[in-house]
Amino acid sequence: MNQDPTLEAEKAALRVKMIAWRRSLSEQSRKAMSLAISRYVVALPEVVNARHIHVYLSIPGSAEVGTSAIIDGLAAMGKQLSVPVIRNGELLTAVFAKGSLLRPAQFGSPEPEEVKAADESNLDVVLMPLLAFDESGHRIGYGKGFYDRFLRRLLLKKITPCRIGLSFFQQKVEAVPADSRDELLDGVVHEHGIIRFNN
């Protein structure tokens, strides 16, 4: 499908704006908000009842929602964890355990030193990063389309985990520029609670 240049320009402008806003946060504020988000995440019924949860490893220096406290909480709950790794331009699911050795990978994302494919068929929840979201459940990521293709690939296999975005509340916008390639979220957890979407 050809990309609409106007839509892509709107997405790029929104990314620039949101990255600048996140970087304007003090590290203290970001850590406090990330901790509040982690408390809401581990209390979500979908998370409490889940067995296998896919969670991103936050990129150092990116000012995105930090996931270390979430991973600590999920590990304490005995959840099976997996994390994203990029191979040949696609997002794959790798087995992860708290304390696993990590290495910096493509685009600055950490990944396990030893990458072992996880069984995606039993994925219950996917916790993903975003730069902006709206009330319809549209999200905008970093522009590579990894999560959209990943979620679409799962759907084609009839794998339908709960899709949760992790975000600071100020990243909510009136409308995210989107088209049919953009996969919708089931909810967003921010520092004040959760927003659920009826998709």
N, C-alpha and C. Protein backbone atom coordinates (compact mmCIF):
# COMPACT_ATOMS: atom_id res chain seq x y z
N MET A 1 0.85 -1.19 0.00
CA MET A 1 0.00 0.00 0.00
C MET A 1 0.88 1.24 0.00
N ASN A 2 0.62 2.16 -0.91
CA ASN A 2 1.41 3.39 -0.97
C ASN A 2 1.09 4.29 0.22
N GLN A 3 2.11 4.96 0.70
CA GLN A 3 1.92 5.84 1.84
C GLN A 3 1.46 7.21 1.37
N ASP A 4 0.52 7.78 2.11
CA ASP A 4 0.01 9.11 1.82
C ASP A 4 1.03 10.13 2.36
N PRO A 5 1.63 10.94 1.46
CA PRO A 5 2.68 11.89 1.91
C PRO A 5 2.17 12.88 2.96
N THR A 6 0.91 13.32 2.81
CA THR A 6 0.35 14.27 3.78
C THR A 6 0.22 13.62 5.15
N LEU A 7 -0.30 12.39 5.18
CA LEU A 7 -0.46 11.66 6.43
C LEU A 7 0.90 11.42 7.09
N GLU A 8 1.88 11.02 6.28
CA GLU A 8 3.22 10.75 6.82
C GLU A 8 3.84 12.02 7.39
N ALA A 9 3.60 13.16 6.73
CA ALA A 9 4.13 14.44 7.22
C ALA A 9 3.48 14.83 8.55
N GLU A 10 2.17 14.57 8.66
CA GLU A 10 1.46 14.88 9.90
C GLU A 10 1.98 14.00 11.05
N LYS A 11 2.21 12.72 10.74
CA LYS A 11 2.75 11.81 11.75
C LYS A 11 4.14 12.26 12.19
N ALA A 12 4.97 12.64 11.22
CA ALA A 12 6.34 13.06 11.53
C ALA A 12 6.34 14.30 12.42
N ALA A 13 5.44 15.25 12.13
CA ALA A 13 5.36 16.48 12.93
C ALA A 13 4.92 16.17 14.36
N LEU A 14 3.97 15.23 14.49
CA LEU A 14 3.50 14.86 15.82
C LEU A 14 4.61 14.15 16.60
N ARG A 15 5.38 13.32 15.92
CA ARG A 15 6.50 12.64 16.59
C ARG A 15 7.50 13.65 17.14
N VAL A 16 7.86 14.63 16.31
CA VAL A 16 8.83 15.65 16.72
C VAL A 16 8.32 16.38 17.96
N LYS A 17 7.04 16.74 17.93
CA LYS A 17 6.44 17.48 19.05
C LYS A 17 6.46 16.66 20.33
N MET A 18 6.08 15.38 20.23
CA MET A 18 6.00 14.54 21.42
C MET A 18 7.37 14.16 21.97
N ILE A 19 8.32 13.93 21.09
CA ILE A 19 9.68 13.62 21.54
C ILE A 19 10.25 14.83 22.30
N ALA A 20 10.00 16.03 21.77
CA ALA A 20 10.48 17.25 22.43
C ALA A 20 9.82 17.42 23.79
N TRP A 21 8.50 17.13 23.85
CA TRP A 21 7.80 17.26 25.14
C TRP A 21 8.36 16.28 26.16
N ARG A 22 8.55 15.02 25.75
CA ARG A 22 9.06 14.02 26.69
C ARG A 22 10.45 14.40 27.19
N ARG A 23 11.25 14.92 26.30
CA ARG A 23 12.63 15.28 26.70
C ARG A 23 12.64 16.52 27.61
N SER A 24 11.53 17.26 27.64
CA SER A 24 11.47 18.43 28.52
C SER A 24 11.17 18.02 29.96
N LEU A 25 10.74 16.77 30.16
CA LEU A 25 10.46 16.27 31.51
C LEU A 25 11.77 16.09 32.28
N SER A 26 11.71 16.37 33.56
CA SER A 26 12.88 16.07 34.39
C SER A 26 12.93 14.56 34.57
N GLU A 27 14.10 14.02 34.80
CA GLU A 27 14.23 12.58 35.01
C GLU A 27 13.44 12.15 36.24
N GLN A 28 13.41 13.02 37.24
CA GLN A 28 12.67 12.73 38.47
C GLN A 28 11.17 12.58 38.18
N SER A 29 10.62 13.51 37.38
CA SER A 29 9.20 13.45 37.02
C SER A 29 8.89 12.20 36.22
N ARG A 30 9.75 11.92 35.25
CA ARG A 30 9.51 10.76 34.39
C ARG A 30 9.55 9.46 35.20
N LYS A 31 10.51 9.38 36.11
CA LYS A 31 10.60 8.16 36.94
C LYS A 31 9.38 8.01 37.84
N ALA A 32 8.92 9.13 38.42
CA ALA A 32 7.74 9.08 39.30
C ALA A 32 6.50 8.67 38.51
N MET A 33 6.34 9.22 37.32
CA MET A 33 5.17 8.87 36.49
C MET A 33 5.25 7.43 36.01
N SER A 34 6.46 6.98 35.66
CA SER A 34 6.63 5.59 35.23
C SER A 34 6.29 4.62 36.36
N LEU A 35 6.66 5.00 37.58
CA LEU A 35 6.35 4.16 38.75
C LEU A 35 4.84 4.09 38.97
N ALA A 36 4.16 5.24 38.82
CA ALA A 36 2.70 5.26 38.96
C ALA A 36 2.05 4.37 37.90
N ILE A 37 2.57 4.45 36.67
CA ILE A 37 2.05 3.62 35.57
C ILE A 37 2.24 2.13 35.90
N SER A 38 3.39 1.79 36.45
CA SER A 38 3.67 0.39 36.77
C SER A 38 2.66 -0.15 37.78
N ARG A 39 2.26 0.68 38.74
CA ARG A 39 1.30 0.23 39.75
C ARG A 39 -0.06 -0.07 39.12
N TYR A 40 -0.47 0.78 38.17
CA TYR A 40 -1.73 0.53 37.47
C TYR A 40 -1.65 -0.72 36.59
N VAL A 41 -0.51 -0.90 35.93
CA VAL A 41 -0.35 -2.05 35.02
C VAL A 41 -0.50 -3.37 35.77
N VAL A 42 0.22 -3.52 36.88
CA VAL A 42 0.21 -4.82 37.58
C VAL A 42 -1.14 -5.11 38.24
N ALA A 43 -1.99 -4.07 38.38
CA ALA A 43 -3.31 -4.27 38.98
C ALA A 43 -4.41 -4.50 37.93
N LEU A 44 -4.08 -4.34 36.65
CA LEU A 44 -5.08 -4.54 35.60
C LEU A 44 -5.60 -5.98 35.62
N PRO A 45 -6.91 -6.18 35.56
CA PRO A 45 -7.44 -7.55 35.53
C PRO A 45 -6.85 -8.38 34.39
N GLU A 46 -6.66 -7.75 33.22
CA GLU A 46 -6.09 -8.46 32.07
C GLU A 46 -4.68 -8.95 32.37
N VAL A 47 -3.94 -8.17 33.15
CA VAL A 47 -2.57 -8.54 33.52
C VAL A 47 -2.57 -9.56 34.65
N VAL A 48 -3.42 -9.34 35.65
CA VAL A 48 -3.52 -10.27 36.78
C VAL A 48 -3.88 -11.67 36.28
N ASN A 49 -4.80 -11.74 35.31
CA ASN A 49 -5.27 -13.03 34.81
C ASN A 49 -4.40 -13.61 33.69
N ALA A 50 -3.42 -12.85 33.22
CA ALA A 50 -2.58 -13.29 32.11
C ALA A 50 -1.53 -14.29 32.56
N ARG A 51 -1.10 -15.13 31.62
CA ARG A 51 0.04 -16.02 31.88
C ARG A 51 1.27 -15.47 31.17
N HIS A 52 1.12 -15.12 29.89
CA HIS A 52 2.26 -14.69 29.06
C HIS A 52 2.08 -13.23 28.65
N ILE A 53 3.05 -12.40 29.03
CA ILE A 53 2.98 -10.96 28.74
C ILE A 53 4.21 -10.52 27.98
N HIS A 54 3.96 -9.83 26.89
CA HIS A 54 5.03 -9.25 26.05
C HIS A 54 5.20 -7.79 26.49
N VAL A 55 6.40 -7.42 26.89
CA VAL A 55 6.65 -6.06 27.39
C VAL A 55 7.96 -5.55 26.79
N TYR A 56 7.96 -4.28 26.40
CA TYR A 56 9.18 -3.72 25.82
C TYR A 56 10.18 -3.35 26.92
N LEU A 57 11.45 -3.40 26.57
CA LEU A 57 12.52 -2.95 27.46
C LEU A 57 12.79 -1.49 27.10
N SER A 58 12.53 -0.59 28.02
CA SER A 58 12.63 0.84 27.69
C SER A 58 14.04 1.23 27.28
N ILE A 59 14.11 2.14 26.32
CA ILE A 59 15.39 2.57 25.75
C ILE A 59 16.02 3.63 26.65
N PRO A 60 17.24 3.39 27.14
CA PRO A 60 17.91 4.40 27.98
C PRO A 60 18.03 5.73 27.23
N GLY A 61 17.69 6.81 27.92
CA GLY A 61 17.84 8.14 27.33
C GLY A 61 16.71 8.55 26.39
N SER A 62 15.70 7.68 26.21
CA SER A 62 14.62 8.01 25.26
C SER A 62 13.50 8.81 25.91
N ALA A 63 13.47 8.85 27.23
CA ALA A 63 12.43 9.52 28.02
C ALA A 63 11.06 8.87 27.86
N GLU A 64 11.02 7.62 27.32
CA GLU A 64 9.73 6.92 27.24
C GLU A 64 9.38 6.34 28.60
N VAL A 65 8.16 5.85 28.74
CA VAL A 65 7.74 5.24 30.00
C VAL A 65 8.71 4.09 30.33
N GLY A 66 9.32 4.17 31.50
CA GLY A 66 10.26 3.13 31.93
C GLY A 66 9.52 1.86 32.32
N THR A 67 10.06 0.71 31.96
CA THR A 67 9.36 -0.55 32.24
C THR A 67 10.04 -1.42 33.31
N SER A 68 11.12 -0.94 33.91
CA SER A 68 11.84 -1.79 34.88
C SER A 68 10.96 -2.17 36.07
N ALA A 69 10.18 -1.22 36.60
CA ALA A 69 9.31 -1.52 37.74
C ALA A 69 8.18 -2.46 37.33
N ILE A 70 7.69 -2.32 36.08
CA ILE A 70 6.66 -3.22 35.57
C ILE A 70 7.21 -4.64 35.50
N ILE A 71 8.41 -4.76 34.96
CA ILE A 71 9.03 -6.09 34.83
C ILE A 71 9.26 -6.70 36.21
N ASP A 72 9.69 -5.90 37.18
CA ASP A 72 9.86 -6.39 38.55
C ASP A 72 8.54 -6.94 39.09
N GLY A 73 7.47 -6.16 38.87
CA GLY A 73 6.15 -6.55 39.36
C GLY A 73 5.63 -7.81 38.69
N LEU A 74 5.79 -7.90 37.39
CA LEU A 74 5.31 -9.07 36.64
C LEU A 74 6.10 -10.32 37.03
N ALA A 75 7.41 -10.15 37.22
CA ALA A 75 8.24 -11.28 37.63
C ALA A 75 7.82 -11.78 39.01
N ALA A 76 7.52 -10.83 39.91
CA ALA A 76 7.08 -11.21 41.26
C ALA A 76 5.74 -11.94 41.22
N MET A 77 4.94 -11.67 40.20
CA MET A 77 3.63 -12.33 40.03
C MET A 77 3.78 -13.68 39.33
N GLY A 78 5.00 -14.01 38.92
CA GLY A 78 5.23 -15.30 38.27
C GLY A 78 4.79 -15.37 36.83
N LYS A 79 4.72 -14.22 36.17
CA LYS A 79 4.27 -14.20 34.77
C LYS A 79 5.37 -14.68 33.83
N GLN A 80 4.96 -15.34 32.76
CA GLN A 80 5.88 -15.66 31.68
C GLN A 80 6.10 -14.38 30.88
N LEU A 81 7.34 -13.96 30.69
CA LEU A 81 7.62 -12.70 30.02
C LEU A 81 8.33 -12.92 28.69
N SER A 82 8.02 -12.03 27.75
CA SER A 82 8.77 -11.99 26.50
C SER A 82 8.96 -10.54 26.10
N VAL A 83 9.97 -10.30 25.28
CA VAL A 83 10.31 -8.94 24.88
C VAL A 83 10.49 -8.88 23.36
N PRO A 84 10.36 -7.67 22.78
CA PRO A 84 10.55 -7.56 21.34
C PRO A 84 12.01 -7.56 20.93
N VAL A 85 12.30 -8.25 19.84
CA VAL A 85 13.61 -8.13 19.18
C VAL A 85 13.33 -7.90 17.69
N ILE A 86 14.20 -7.15 17.05
CA ILE A 86 14.03 -6.85 15.63
C ILE A 86 14.98 -7.73 14.83
N ARG A 87 14.42 -8.48 13.89
CA ARG A 87 15.20 -9.32 12.98
C ARG A 87 14.67 -9.14 11.56
N ASN A 88 15.57 -8.80 10.64
CA ASN A 88 15.18 -8.61 9.23
C ASN A 88 14.01 -7.64 9.08
N GLY A 89 14.04 -6.58 9.90
CA GLY A 89 13.02 -5.53 9.78
C GLY A 89 11.68 -5.88 10.39
N GLU A 90 11.61 -7.00 11.13
CA GLU A 90 10.34 -7.39 11.74
C GLU A 90 10.51 -7.58 13.24
N LEU A 91 9.42 -7.31 13.98
CA LEU A 91 9.43 -7.47 15.42
C LEU A 91 9.06 -8.91 15.77
N LEU A 92 9.94 -9.57 16.49
CA LEU A 92 9.71 -10.95 16.94
C LEU A 92 9.68 -10.98 18.46
N THR A 93 9.20 -12.09 19.01
CA THR A 93 9.04 -12.22 20.46
C THR A 93 10.11 -13.15 21.02
N ALA A 94 10.88 -12.63 21.98
CA ALA A 94 11.95 -13.43 22.59
C ALA A 94 11.66 -13.69 24.06
N VAL A 95 12.02 -14.89 24.51
CA VAL A 95 11.87 -15.26 25.92
C VAL A 95 12.70 -14.30 26.78
N PHE A 96 12.14 -13.90 27.93
CA PHE A 96 12.86 -12.98 28.82
C PHE A 96 12.61 -13.36 30.27
N ALA A 97 13.65 -13.26 31.07
CA ALA A 97 13.53 -13.44 32.52
C ALA A 97 14.21 -12.26 33.19
N LYS A 98 13.64 -11.80 34.29
CA LYS A 98 14.23 -10.69 35.04
C LYS A 98 15.68 -11.05 35.38
N GLY A 99 16.57 -10.11 35.12
CA GLY A 99 17.98 -10.34 35.41
C GLY A 99 18.76 -10.90 34.23
N SER A 100 18.05 -11.17 33.10
CA SER A 100 18.75 -11.65 31.91
C SER A 100 19.79 -10.63 31.45
N LEU A 101 20.92 -11.10 30.94
CA LEU A 101 21.93 -10.20 30.41
C LEU A 101 21.39 -9.55 29.15
N LEU A 102 21.64 -8.23 29.02
CA LEU A 102 21.13 -7.48 27.89
C LEU A 102 22.26 -6.88 27.08
N ARG A 103 21.96 -6.57 25.83
CA ARG A 103 22.92 -5.85 24.99
C ARG A 103 22.14 -4.80 24.21
N PRO A 104 22.79 -3.68 23.85
CA PRO A 104 22.11 -2.69 23.02
C PRO A 104 21.92 -3.25 21.62
N ALA A 105 20.74 -3.02 21.07
CA ALA A 105 20.44 -3.56 19.74
C ALA A 105 20.03 -2.44 18.81
N GLN A 106 19.43 -2.82 17.69
CA GLN A 106 19.02 -1.86 16.68
C GLN A 106 18.11 -0.78 17.28
N PHE A 107 18.27 0.46 16.86
CA PHE A 107 17.46 1.61 17.29
C PHE A 107 17.60 1.91 18.79
N GLY A 108 18.63 1.34 19.43
CA GLY A 108 18.88 1.65 20.84
C GLY A 108 18.13 0.78 21.82
N SER A 109 17.22 -0.06 21.34
CA SER A 109 16.47 -0.93 22.25
C SER A 109 17.37 -2.02 22.82
N PRO A 110 17.28 -2.26 24.14
CA PRO A 110 18.03 -3.38 24.69
C PRO A 110 17.36 -4.70 24.26
N GLU A 111 18.15 -5.74 24.17
CA GLU A 111 17.57 -7.07 23.91
C GLU A 111 18.40 -8.10 24.66
N PRO A 112 17.83 -9.28 24.92
CA PRO A 112 18.60 -10.31 25.63
C PRO A 112 19.85 -10.70 24.85
N GLU A 113 20.94 -10.96 25.57
CA GLU A 113 22.17 -11.41 24.89
C GLU A 113 21.94 -12.73 24.18
N GLU A 114 21.15 -13.59 24.82
CA GLU A 114 20.80 -14.85 24.19
C GLU A 114 19.33 -14.78 23.77
N VAL A 115 19.11 -14.72 22.45
CA VAL A 115 17.74 -14.59 21.94
C VAL A 115 17.15 -15.96 21.62
N LYS A 116 16.07 -16.27 22.33
CA LYS A 116 15.35 -17.53 22.10
C LYS A 116 13.90 -17.18 21.81
N ALA A 117 13.38 -17.67 20.69
CA ALA A 117 12.00 -17.36 20.28
C ALA A 117 11.00 -17.85 21.33
N ALA A 118 10.03 -16.97 21.66
CA ALA A 118 8.96 -17.34 22.58
C ALA A 118 7.78 -17.89 21.79
N ASP A 119 6.95 -18.66 22.47
CA ASP A 119 5.73 -19.18 21.85
C ASP A 119 4.68 -18.07 21.84
N GLU A 120 4.44 -17.49 20.68
CA GLU A 120 3.50 -16.37 20.59
C GLU A 120 2.05 -16.82 20.68
N SER A 121 1.80 -18.10 20.51
CA SER A 121 0.40 -18.57 20.45
C SER A 121 -0.32 -18.39 21.78
N ASN A 122 0.45 -18.27 22.89
CA ASN A 122 -0.22 -18.11 24.19
C ASN A 122 -0.06 -16.70 24.76
N LEU A 123 0.20 -15.73 23.90
CA LEU A 123 0.33 -14.34 24.35
C LEU A 123 -1.02 -13.82 24.84
N ASP A 124 -1.04 -13.30 26.06
CA ASP A 124 -2.29 -12.76 26.62
C ASP A 124 -2.35 -11.23 26.58
N VAL A 125 -1.19 -10.60 26.78
CA VAL A 125 -1.14 -9.13 26.84
C VAL A 125 0.13 -8.66 26.13
N VAL A 126 -0.01 -7.57 25.35
CA VAL A 126 1.15 -6.89 24.77
C VAL A 126 1.19 -5.47 25.33
N LEU A 127 2.28 -5.13 26.01
CA LEU A 127 2.50 -3.78 26.55
C LEU A 127 3.48 -3.08 25.62
N MET A 128 3.04 -2.00 25.01
CA MET A 128 3.88 -1.37 23.98
C MET A 128 4.08 0.13 24.20
N PRO A 129 5.18 0.66 23.69
CA PRO A 129 5.45 2.09 23.82
C PRO A 129 4.66 2.88 22.78
N LEU A 130 4.57 4.17 22.98
CA LEU A 130 3.95 5.03 21.97
C LEU A 130 4.41 6.47 22.17
N LEU A 131 4.19 7.26 21.14
CA LEU A 131 4.52 8.69 21.23
C LEU A 131 3.27 9.54 21.41
N ALA A 132 2.13 9.05 20.90
CA ALA A 132 0.86 9.77 21.06
C ALA A 132 -0.27 8.78 20.89
N PHE A 133 -1.43 9.12 21.49
CA PHE A 133 -2.63 8.31 21.31
C PHE A 133 -3.84 9.21 21.35
N ASP A 134 -4.98 8.69 20.86
CA ASP A 134 -6.22 9.47 20.90
C ASP A 134 -7.35 8.64 21.50
N GLU A 135 -8.53 9.23 21.58
CA GLU A 135 -9.66 8.58 22.25
C GLU A 135 -10.24 7.41 21.44
N SER A 136 -9.81 7.26 20.21
CA SER A 136 -10.28 6.15 19.38
C SER A 136 -9.40 4.91 19.53
N GLY A 137 -8.27 5.06 20.24
CA GLY A 137 -7.36 3.93 20.39
C GLY A 137 -6.27 3.89 19.34
N HIS A 138 -6.15 4.94 18.54
CA HIS A 138 -5.03 5.01 17.60
C HIS A 138 -3.77 5.39 18.36
N ARG A 139 -2.65 4.83 17.97
CA ARG A 139 -1.36 5.19 18.56
C ARG A 139 -0.41 5.58 17.45
N ILE A 140 0.59 6.35 17.82
CA ILE A 140 1.67 6.63 16.89
C ILE A 140 2.96 6.23 17.58
N GLY A 141 3.77 5.46 16.86
CA GLY A 141 5.03 5.00 17.42
C GLY A 141 6.19 5.77 16.82
N TYR A 142 7.33 5.10 16.73
CA TYR A 142 8.53 5.78 16.27
C TYR A 142 8.67 5.81 14.75
N GLY A 143 7.70 5.24 14.04
CA GLY A 143 7.67 5.42 12.60
C GLY A 143 8.16 4.26 11.76
N LYS A 144 8.55 3.17 12.40
CA LYS A 144 9.05 2.02 11.64
C LYS A 144 7.96 0.99 11.35
N GLY A 145 6.82 1.11 12.05
CA GLY A 145 5.70 0.19 11.80
C GLY A 145 5.86 -1.19 12.40
N PHE A 146 6.85 -1.37 13.30
CA PHE A 146 7.12 -2.70 13.84
C PHE A 146 5.91 -3.29 14.56
N TYR A 147 5.32 -2.50 15.46
CA TYR A 147 4.20 -3.03 16.24
C TYR A 147 2.95 -3.26 15.39
N ASP A 148 2.69 -2.36 14.43
CA ASP A 148 1.53 -2.56 13.55
C ASP A 148 1.65 -3.88 12.80
N ARG A 149 2.82 -4.15 12.25
CA ARG A 149 3.01 -5.40 11.50
C ARG A 149 2.98 -6.61 12.44
N PHE A 150 3.55 -6.45 13.62
CA PHE A 150 3.56 -7.53 14.61
C PHE A 150 2.13 -7.91 15.01
N LEU A 151 1.32 -6.90 15.34
CA LEU A 151 -0.05 -7.16 15.77
C LEU A 151 -0.88 -7.76 14.63
N ARG A 152 -0.62 -7.29 13.41
CA ARG A 152 -1.34 -7.82 12.24
C ARG A 152 -0.94 -9.28 12.01
N ARG A 153 0.33 -9.58 12.19
CA ARG A 153 0.81 -10.95 12.01
C ARG A 153 0.16 -11.89 13.03
N LEU A 154 0.06 -11.43 14.28
CA LEU A 154 -0.60 -12.24 15.31
C LEU A 154 -2.07 -12.47 14.94
N LEU A 155 -2.72 -11.41 14.48
CA LEU A 155 -4.14 -11.50 14.13
C LEU A 155 -4.38 -12.51 13.01
N LEU A 156 -3.48 -12.53 12.04
CA LEU A 156 -3.60 -13.49 10.94
C LEU A 156 -3.49 -14.93 11.44
N LYS A 157 -2.80 -15.09 12.58
CA LYS A 157 -2.68 -16.43 13.19
C LYS A 157 -3.79 -16.66 14.23
N LYS A 158 -4.74 -15.71 14.27
CA LYS A 158 -5.85 -15.76 15.23
C LYS A 158 -5.36 -15.69 16.69
N ILE A 159 -4.26 -14.96 16.89
CA ILE A 159 -3.74 -14.69 18.24
C ILE A 159 -4.14 -13.26 18.59
N THR A 160 -4.94 -13.11 19.65
CA THR A 160 -5.52 -11.79 19.95
C THR A 160 -5.25 -11.35 21.40
N PRO A 161 -4.00 -11.03 21.72
CA PRO A 161 -3.71 -10.53 23.07
C PRO A 161 -4.33 -9.16 23.30
N CYS A 162 -4.51 -8.82 24.55
CA CYS A 162 -4.97 -7.47 24.90
C CYS A 162 -3.83 -6.50 24.58
N ARG A 163 -4.15 -5.44 23.84
CA ARG A 163 -3.13 -4.49 23.37
C ARG A 163 -3.15 -3.23 24.24
N ILE A 164 -2.13 -3.06 25.05
CA ILE A 164 -2.08 -1.94 25.98
C ILE A 164 -0.89 -1.04 25.68
N GLY A 165 -1.15 0.24 25.47
CA GLY A 165 -0.08 1.22 25.29
C GLY A 165 0.30 1.82 26.63
N LEU A 166 1.58 2.10 26.81
CA LEU A 166 2.07 2.77 28.03
C LEU A 166 2.47 4.19 27.66
N SER A 167 1.90 5.17 28.37
CA SER A 167 2.08 6.55 27.95
C SER A 167 1.93 7.50 29.12
N PHE A 168 2.55 8.67 29.00
CA PHE A 168 2.26 9.75 29.93
C PHE A 168 0.98 10.43 29.43
N PHE A 169 0.17 10.92 30.37
CA PHE A 169 -1.15 11.45 30.00
C PHE A 169 -1.04 12.59 28.99
N GLN A 170 0.01 13.39 29.09
CA GLN A 170 0.16 14.54 28.19
C GLN A 170 0.40 14.13 26.73
N GLN A 171 0.58 12.85 26.49
CA GLN A 171 0.77 12.38 25.11
C GLN A 171 -0.56 12.11 24.41
N LYS A 172 -1.65 12.33 25.12
CA LYS A 172 -2.99 12.18 24.52
C LYS A 172 -3.28 13.38 23.63
N VAL A 173 -3.74 13.11 22.42
CA VAL A 173 -4.07 14.19 21.47
C VAL A 173 -5.50 13.99 20.99
N GLU A 174 -6.04 15.02 20.34
CA GLU A 174 -7.43 14.95 19.87
C GLU A 174 -7.60 13.86 18.81
N ALA A 175 -6.68 13.83 17.86
CA ALA A 175 -6.77 12.81 16.80
C ALA A 175 -5.38 12.49 16.27
N VAL A 176 -5.04 11.21 16.28
CA VAL A 176 -3.78 10.75 15.71
C VAL A 176 -3.98 10.55 14.21
N PRO A 177 -3.09 11.08 13.36
CA PRO A 177 -3.20 10.81 11.92
C PRO A 177 -3.04 9.31 11.70
N ALA A 178 -4.02 8.67 11.08
CA ALA A 178 -3.99 7.21 10.95
C ALA A 178 -4.66 6.75 9.67
N ASP A 179 -4.31 5.54 9.24
CA ASP A 179 -5.00 4.91 8.11
C ASP A 179 -5.20 3.43 8.44
N SER A 180 -5.60 2.65 7.46
CA SER A 180 -5.97 1.25 7.71
C SER A 180 -4.80 0.38 8.14
N ARG A 181 -3.57 0.84 7.95
CA ARG A 181 -2.41 0.04 8.36
C ARG A 181 -2.13 0.17 9.85
N ASP A 182 -2.76 1.15 10.49
CA ASP A 182 -2.48 1.43 11.90
C ASP A 182 -3.40 0.60 12.79
N GLU A 183 -2.79 -0.28 13.58
CA GLU A 183 -3.54 -1.16 14.47
C GLU A 183 -4.01 -0.40 15.71
N LEU A 184 -5.21 -0.72 16.18
CA LEU A 184 -5.81 -0.03 17.32
C LEU A 184 -5.42 -0.68 18.65
N LEU A 185 -5.43 0.13 19.69
CA LEU A 185 -5.17 -0.34 21.05
C LEU A 185 -6.48 -0.71 21.74
N ASP A 186 -6.37 -1.58 22.75
CA ASP A 186 -7.52 -1.86 23.62
C ASP A 186 -7.56 -0.90 24.80
N GLY A 187 -6.40 -0.36 25.14
CA GLY A 187 -6.34 0.58 26.26
C GLY A 187 -4.98 1.24 26.36
N VAL A 188 -4.93 2.31 27.13
CA VAL A 188 -3.67 2.99 27.43
C VAL A 188 -3.59 3.19 28.94
N VAL A 189 -2.45 2.84 29.51
CA VAL A 189 -2.21 3.11 30.93
C VAL A 189 -1.30 4.34 31.02
N HIS A 190 -1.74 5.32 31.80
CA HIS A 190 -0.93 6.53 32.03
C HIS A 190 -0.81 6.73 33.54
N GLU A 191 -0.17 7.81 33.94
CA GLU A 191 0.15 7.97 35.37
C GLU A 191 -1.08 8.22 36.24
N HIS A 192 -2.26 8.49 35.62
CA HIS A 192 -3.47 8.72 36.40
C HIS A 192 -4.45 7.55 36.34
N GLY A 193 -4.13 6.51 35.56
CA GLY A 193 -5.05 5.38 35.46
C GLY A 193 -5.04 4.75 34.09
N ILE A 194 -6.19 4.22 33.67
CA ILE A 194 -6.29 3.56 32.37
C ILE A 194 -7.45 4.12 31.58
N ILE A 195 -7.25 4.22 30.27
CA ILE A 195 -8.32 4.57 29.34
C ILE A 195 -8.56 3.33 28.49
N ARG A 196 -9.80 2.87 28.44
CA ARG A 196 -10.15 1.71 27.62
C ARG A 196 -10.89 2.16 26.38
N PHE A 197 -10.68 1.43 25.29
CA PHE A 197 -11.32 1.76 24.03
C PHE A 197 -12.26 0.64 23.63
N ASN A 198 -13.36 1.01 23.00
CA ASN A 198 -14.35 0.01 22.57
C ASN A 198 -14.13 -0.33 21.10
N ASN A 199 -13.02 -1.03 20.82
CA ASN A 199 -12.72 -1.37 19.43
C ASN A 199 -13.18 -2.80 19.11
